[in-house]
Amino acid sequence: MSVLVASDLDRTLIYSAAALGLDMPDAEAPRLLCVEVYQGRPLSYLTETAAGLLAELARTSVFVPTTTRTVEQYRRVRLPGPAPRFAICANGGQLLVDGEPDPDWHTRVRTTLAAACAPLDEVRAHLRATADPAWLLKERAAEDLFAYLVVERELLPESYVKELAQWAAPRGWTVSLQGRKIYAVPEPLTKSAAVAEVTSRTGADEVLAAGDSLLDADLLLAADRAWRPGHGELADAGWTAPQLTVVEEKGVVAGESIVRALGERASVAGARAGARAGGEVIRAVSRGRD
């Protein structure tokens, strides 16, 4: 039996300086490892303990980074441990195999979106028309699949995200606020669909997942066991599910707790599988003697 671990990256496993949440005395803060550099500057971190745990997890399971980042943004991240065979980018729109996008998967996704959702151009036009330059920093499209705004959170009206979600829903789109970014994503564009594809290809028997935002909810629901941190959209909404474990910590130390929990569960599943396999071998030998 193989265990597949599908985890969101930003604010689940890795953290920007603004999201670290180091509210303990400086002398007690954990040692950090930088895993992403952008424009010559360090950008994302995890604790050194989490780095060791993640490297071991990547060696003992099918570890699949599962992110809303574009392929280009994902390639900036240097996670500890062996390079993942599979990675999911663009919220499920891109499936990387040995570091390269799978064109057949991407074509299947685009066909589904074209049949089920309003076009991206219509959504981007609405975003441009409704975003106020007083708080809008950037408007972008990702992989020609979804759109997002980068905003000044302090100036963003509380009603904007709710009103945008109400406009988007009848058009087959969903909205998520994560840090300084407001995402508008087609409803069929999901991490869980891409994880299901990887599960089918690998023959994994158990799927573990972790995430912090509303865009991770489908992934967590589809997993056999799931974890979320004590911060983020899901925490703010009090979101839960029968198979979900809530990690009470916040910030980068929550990421460490999540990696530890994933590793412990993967080890338990692997041990059980080994015991079953050993039992089957013994029974087969006994039948041969009979």
Protein backbone atom coordinates (compact mmCIF):
# COMPACT_ATOMS: atom_id res chain seq x y z
CA MET A 1 0.00 0.00 0.00
CA SER A 2 1.23 3.49 -0.82
CA VAL A 3 0.20 6.69 0.96
CA LEU A 4 -0.33 9.85 -1.07
CA VAL A 5 0.17 13.14 0.78
CA ALA A 6 -1.30 16.18 -0.99
CA SER A 7 -0.53 19.44 0.76
CA ASP A 8 -1.08 23.08 0.02
CA LEU A 9 2.08 25.18 0.25
CA ASP A 10 1.60 28.83 1.19
CA ARG A 11 0.43 29.36 4.77
CA THR A 12 0.16 25.59 5.21
CA LEU A 13 3.72 24.29 4.81
CA ILE A 14 5.70 27.41 3.85
CA TYR A 15 5.35 30.98 5.08
CA SER A 16 6.35 34.47 4.01
CA ALA A 17 7.93 36.76 6.60
CA ALA A 18 4.57 38.48 7.09
CA ALA A 19 2.82 35.17 7.78
CA LEU A 20 5.37 33.58 10.14
CA GLY A 21 3.40 34.49 13.26
CA LEU A 22 6.39 34.40 15.57
CA ASP A 23 4.70 35.79 18.67
CA MET A 24 7.11 34.18 21.14
CA PRO A 25 10.21 35.94 22.58
CA ASP A 26 12.94 36.27 19.97
CA ALA A 27 15.27 33.98 21.92
CA GLU A 28 12.64 31.21 21.74
CA ALA A 29 11.80 31.55 18.03
CA PRO A 30 12.47 28.43 15.92
CA ARG A 31 15.34 28.29 13.46
CA LEU A 32 14.07 28.90 9.94
CA LEU A 33 15.06 27.55 6.54
CA CYS A 34 14.47 29.69 3.44
CA VAL A 35 12.92 27.64 0.63
CA GLU A 36 12.09 30.39 -1.87
CA VAL A 37 13.95 33.37 -3.28
CA TYR A 38 12.21 36.00 -5.43
CA GLN A 39 14.02 38.80 -7.22
CA GLY A 40 17.14 38.06 -5.24
CA ARG A 41 15.44 38.22 -1.84
CA PRO A 42 14.33 35.46 0.57
CA LEU A 43 10.58 35.03 0.42
CA SER A 44 9.27 31.78 2.00
CA TYR A 45 10.33 29.74 4.99
CA LEU A 46 9.65 26.72 7.14
CA THR A 47 11.22 25.71 10.41
CA GLU A 48 14.36 23.59 10.28
CA THR A 49 12.51 20.88 12.19
CA ALA A 50 9.70 20.94 9.62
CA ALA A 51 12.31 20.69 6.86
CA GLY A 52 13.68 17.48 8.30
CA LEU A 53 10.22 16.02 8.79
CA LEU A 54 9.20 16.97 5.25
CA ALA A 55 12.30 15.40 3.73
CA GLU A 56 11.49 12.13 5.51
CA LEU A 57 7.84 12.33 4.46
CA ALA A 58 8.87 12.79 0.83
CA ARG A 59 11.01 9.66 1.05
CA THR A 60 8.35 7.45 2.63
CA SER A 61 5.18 8.51 0.77
CA VAL A 62 3.96 9.89 -2.55
CA PHE A 63 4.31 13.56 -1.60
CA VAL A 64 2.41 15.88 -3.95
CA PRO A 65 2.73 19.66 -3.49
CA THR A 66 -0.76 20.97 -4.30
CA THR A 67 -0.91 24.70 -4.84
CA THR A 68 -2.76 27.60 -6.44
CA ARG A 69 0.60 28.94 -7.60
CA THR A 70 1.39 29.00 -11.30
CA VAL A 71 4.03 26.62 -12.60
CA GLU A 72 6.55 29.46 -12.71
CA GLN A 73 5.81 30.46 -9.12
CA TYR A 74 5.99 26.85 -7.93
CA ARG A 75 9.38 26.31 -9.56
CA ARG A 76 10.88 29.00 -7.32
CA VAL A 77 10.23 26.81 -4.26
CA ARG A 78 13.00 24.42 -3.21
CA LEU A 79 11.49 21.98 -0.75
CA PRO A 80 13.75 19.69 1.28
CA GLY A 81 13.95 16.02 0.34
CA PRO A 82 13.76 14.31 -3.04
CA ALA A 83 12.05 16.18 -5.87
CA PRO A 84 8.37 15.21 -6.02
CA ARG A 85 7.42 12.99 -8.97
CA PHE A 86 4.06 14.79 -9.16
CA ALA A 87 3.03 18.34 -8.34
CA ILE A 88 -0.26 20.14 -8.81
CA CYS A 89 -0.28 23.84 -9.75
CA ALA A 90 -2.86 26.46 -10.75
CA ASN A 91 -5.40 24.98 -8.32
CA GLY A 92 -5.51 21.74 -10.29
CA GLY A 93 -5.18 23.21 -13.77
CA GLN A 94 -1.61 22.00 -14.23
CA LEU A 95 -0.32 18.54 -13.34
CA LEU A 96 3.46 18.33 -13.31
CA VAL A 97 5.12 14.97 -13.90
CA ASP A 98 8.85 14.98 -13.19
CA GLY A 99 8.71 18.75 -13.25
CA GLU A 100 6.95 19.18 -16.60
CA PRO A 101 3.25 19.97 -17.27
CA ASP A 102 1.12 17.10 -18.55
CA PRO A 103 -0.52 18.48 -21.73
CA ASP A 104 -3.31 15.90 -21.80
CA TRP A 105 -4.44 16.81 -18.28
CA HIS A 106 -4.35 20.52 -19.09
CA THR A 107 -6.48 19.96 -22.21
CA ARG A 108 -9.04 17.99 -20.20
CA VAL A 109 -9.27 20.79 -17.64
CA ARG A 110 -9.74 23.52 -20.24
CA THR A 111 -12.45 21.51 -21.99
CA THR A 112 -14.34 21.11 -18.72
CA LEU A 113 -14.10 24.81 -17.89
CA ALA A 114 -15.24 25.92 -21.33
CA ALA A 115 -18.40 23.84 -20.99
CA ALA A 116 -19.27 24.79 -17.40
CA CYS A 117 -18.22 28.37 -16.64
CA ALA A 118 -18.34 31.95 -17.85
CA PRO A 119 -15.16 32.83 -19.75
CA LEU A 120 -12.12 34.24 -18.00
CA ASP A 121 -12.28 37.48 -20.01
CA GLU A 122 -15.73 38.25 -18.61
CA VAL A 123 -14.53 37.74 -15.05
CA ARG A 124 -11.41 39.84 -15.54
CA ALA A 125 -13.47 42.65 -17.06
CA HIS A 126 -15.71 42.63 -13.98
CA LEU A 127 -12.72 42.68 -11.64
CA ARG A 128 -11.22 45.67 -13.44
CA ALA A 129 -14.54 47.50 -13.41
CA THR A 130 -15.23 46.99 -9.69
CA ALA A 131 -11.76 47.20 -8.13
CA ASP A 132 -10.93 50.58 -6.65
CA PRO A 133 -7.47 51.96 -7.52
CA ALA A 134 -7.30 53.18 -3.92
CA TRP A 135 -6.72 49.60 -2.73
CA LEU A 136 -5.87 47.67 -5.92
CA LEU A 137 -2.18 46.93 -6.46
CA LYS A 138 -2.30 44.39 -9.32
CA GLU A 139 -4.77 42.44 -11.47
CA ARG A 140 -3.49 39.22 -12.98
CA ALA A 141 -4.51 36.02 -14.77
CA ALA A 142 -2.85 32.72 -13.89
CA GLU A 143 -2.16 30.13 -16.60
CA ASP A 144 -5.17 31.59 -18.52
CA LEU A 145 -7.34 29.65 -16.07
CA PHE A 146 -8.29 32.02 -13.24
CA ALA A 147 -7.76 35.59 -12.09
CA TYR A 148 -6.65 37.34 -8.93
CA LEU A 149 -6.22 40.79 -7.45
CA VAL A 150 -3.40 41.91 -5.19
CA VAL A 151 -4.81 44.45 -2.74
CA GLU A 152 -4.06 46.61 0.26
CA ARG A 153 -5.96 44.65 2.89
CA GLU A 154 -6.25 47.60 5.26
CA LEU A 155 -8.11 49.62 2.60
CA LEU A 156 -10.23 46.80 1.16
CA PRO A 157 -13.96 47.29 1.94
CA GLU A 158 -15.38 44.42 3.98
CA SER A 159 -18.26 44.02 1.53
CA TYR A 160 -16.20 43.66 -1.64
CA VAL A 161 -15.34 39.96 -1.44
CA LYS A 162 -18.90 39.02 -0.49
CA GLU A 163 -20.38 41.04 -3.36
CA LEU A 164 -17.85 39.59 -5.80
CA ALA A 165 -18.73 36.05 -4.68
CA GLN A 166 -22.44 36.75 -5.20
CA TRP A 167 -21.74 37.98 -8.73
CA ALA A 168 -19.42 35.06 -9.55
CA ALA A 169 -21.52 32.14 -8.27
CA PRO A 170 -24.21 32.17 -11.01
CA ARG A 171 -21.41 32.21 -13.56
CA GLY A 172 -19.78 29.07 -12.18
CA TRP A 173 -16.93 30.82 -10.36
CA THR A 174 -15.86 30.92 -6.72
CA VAL A 175 -14.00 33.60 -4.75
CA SER A 176 -11.33 33.29 -2.05
CA LEU A 177 -9.42 35.89 -0.03
CA GLN A 178 -5.91 34.79 0.97
CA GLY A 179 -3.58 37.32 2.50
CA ARG A 180 -3.34 40.19 0.03
CA LYS A 181 -4.85 38.22 -2.86
CA ILE A 182 -8.46 37.88 -3.96
CA TYR A 183 -8.85 34.82 -6.19
CA ALA A 184 -11.63 34.26 -8.71
CA VAL A 185 -11.52 30.59 -9.72
CA PRO A 186 -13.85 28.44 -11.86
CA GLU A 187 -15.77 26.02 -9.64
CA PRO A 188 -14.70 22.87 -11.58
CA LEU A 189 -11.03 23.89 -11.27
CA THR A 190 -10.20 21.96 -8.11
CA LYS A 191 -7.21 20.48 -6.39
CA SER A 192 -9.20 17.36 -5.53
CA ALA A 193 -9.76 16.47 -9.20
CA ALA A 194 -6.04 16.62 -9.91
CA VAL A 195 -5.24 14.62 -6.76
CA ALA A 196 -7.73 11.96 -7.87
CA GLU A 197 -5.82 11.71 -11.14
CA VAL A 198 -2.50 11.24 -9.33
CA THR A 199 -4.11 8.70 -6.99
CA SER A 200 -5.27 6.72 -10.02
CA ARG A 201 -1.84 6.82 -11.63
CA THR A 202 0.04 5.78 -8.48
CA GLY A 203 -2.48 3.29 -7.11
CA ALA A 204 -2.28 4.91 -3.68
CA ASP A 205 -4.53 3.31 -1.08
CA GLU A 206 -4.77 6.23 1.34
CA VAL A 207 -4.81 9.98 0.70
CA LEU A 208 -3.74 12.50 3.34
CA ALA A 209 -4.21 16.24 2.78
CA ALA A 210 -3.57 19.62 4.36
CA GLY A 211 -4.62 23.17 3.55
CA ASP A 212 -5.74 26.46 5.04
CA SER A 213 -8.02 28.24 2.54
CA LEU A 214 -11.46 27.83 1.01
CA LEU A 215 -9.74 26.69 -2.19
CA ASP A 216 -8.42 23.72 -0.16
CA ALA A 217 -11.82 22.64 1.19
CA ASP A 218 -12.57 20.21 -1.65
CA LEU A 219 -9.12 18.66 -1.25
CA LEU A 220 -9.60 18.13 2.48
CA LEU A 221 -13.07 16.65 1.98
CA ALA A 222 -11.80 14.19 -0.64
CA ALA A 223 -8.95 12.89 1.56
CA ASP A 224 -9.13 9.95 3.93
CA ARG A 225 -7.51 12.10 6.63
CA ALA A 226 -6.94 15.86 6.56
CA TRP A 227 -5.40 18.68 8.60
CA ARG A 228 -5.71 22.46 8.69
CA PRO A 229 -3.90 25.09 10.77
CA GLY A 230 -5.41 27.42 13.35
CA HIS A 231 -5.19 30.36 10.92
CA GLY A 232 -6.54 31.10 7.45
CA GLU A 233 -9.93 31.25 5.74
CA LEU A 234 -11.06 27.84 6.96
CA ALA A 235 -10.16 28.69 10.55
CA ASP A 236 -11.92 32.05 10.31
CA ALA A 237 -15.04 30.28 9.07
CA GLY A 238 -14.83 27.55 11.72
CA TRP A 239 -14.80 25.01 8.89
CA THR A 240 -14.63 21.36 9.87
CA ALA A 241 -15.30 17.86 8.53
CA PRO A 242 -15.42 14.34 10.02
CA GLN A 243 -11.97 13.39 8.74
CA LEU A 244 -10.39 16.75 9.62
CA THR A 245 -7.94 17.43 12.44
CA VAL A 246 -7.45 21.06 13.43
CA VAL A 247 -3.92 22.05 14.39
CA GLU A 248 -4.35 24.72 17.03
CA GLU A 249 -1.04 26.47 16.35
CA LYS A 250 -0.82 29.41 13.97
CA GLY A 251 1.90 30.57 11.63
CA VAL A 252 5.04 28.68 10.75
CA VAL A 253 4.89 26.50 13.88
CA ALA A 254 1.51 25.23 12.62
CA GLY A 255 3.26 24.12 9.45
CA GLU A 256 5.69 22.11 11.54
CA SER A 257 2.84 20.46 13.45
CA ILE A 258 1.06 19.58 10.21
CA VAL A 259 4.14 17.96 8.66
CA ARG A 260 4.69 15.98 11.85
CA ALA A 261 1.08 14.75 11.86
CA LEU A 262 1.24 13.80 8.18
CA GLY A 263 4.45 11.87 8.74
CA GLU A 264 3.10 10.02 11.76
CA ARG A 265 -0.06 9.00 9.91
CA ALA A 266 1.89 7.93 6.82
CA SER A 267 4.16 5.79 9.02
CA VAL A 268 1.19 4.10 10.68
CA ALA A 269 -0.41 3.37 7.31
CA GLY A 270 2.87 2.03 5.95
CA ALA A 271 3.40 -0.23 8.95
CA ARG A 272 -0.11 -1.65 8.63
CA ALA A 273 0.44 -2.28 4.95
CA GLY A 274 3.73 -4.04 5.68
CA ALA A 275 2.07 -6.24 8.28
CA ARG A 276 -0.69 -7.18 5.86
CA ALA A 277 1.81 -7.90 3.12
CA GLY A 278 3.83 -10.10 5.48
CA GLY A 279 0.70 -11.98 6.45
CA GLU A 280 -0.17 -12.59 2.83
CA VAL A 281 3.32 -13.95 2.14
CA ILE A 282 3.07 -16.33 5.09
CA ARG A 283 -0.34 -17.55 3.95
CA ALA A 284 0.93 -18.04 0.42
CA VAL A 285 3.90 -20.09 1.67
CA SER A 286 1.59 -22.15 3.86
CA ARG A 287 -0.70 -22.88 0.92
CA GLY A 288 2.32 -23.93 -1.14
CA ARG A 289 3.36 -26.41 1.56
CA ASP A 290 -0.14 -27.81 1.75
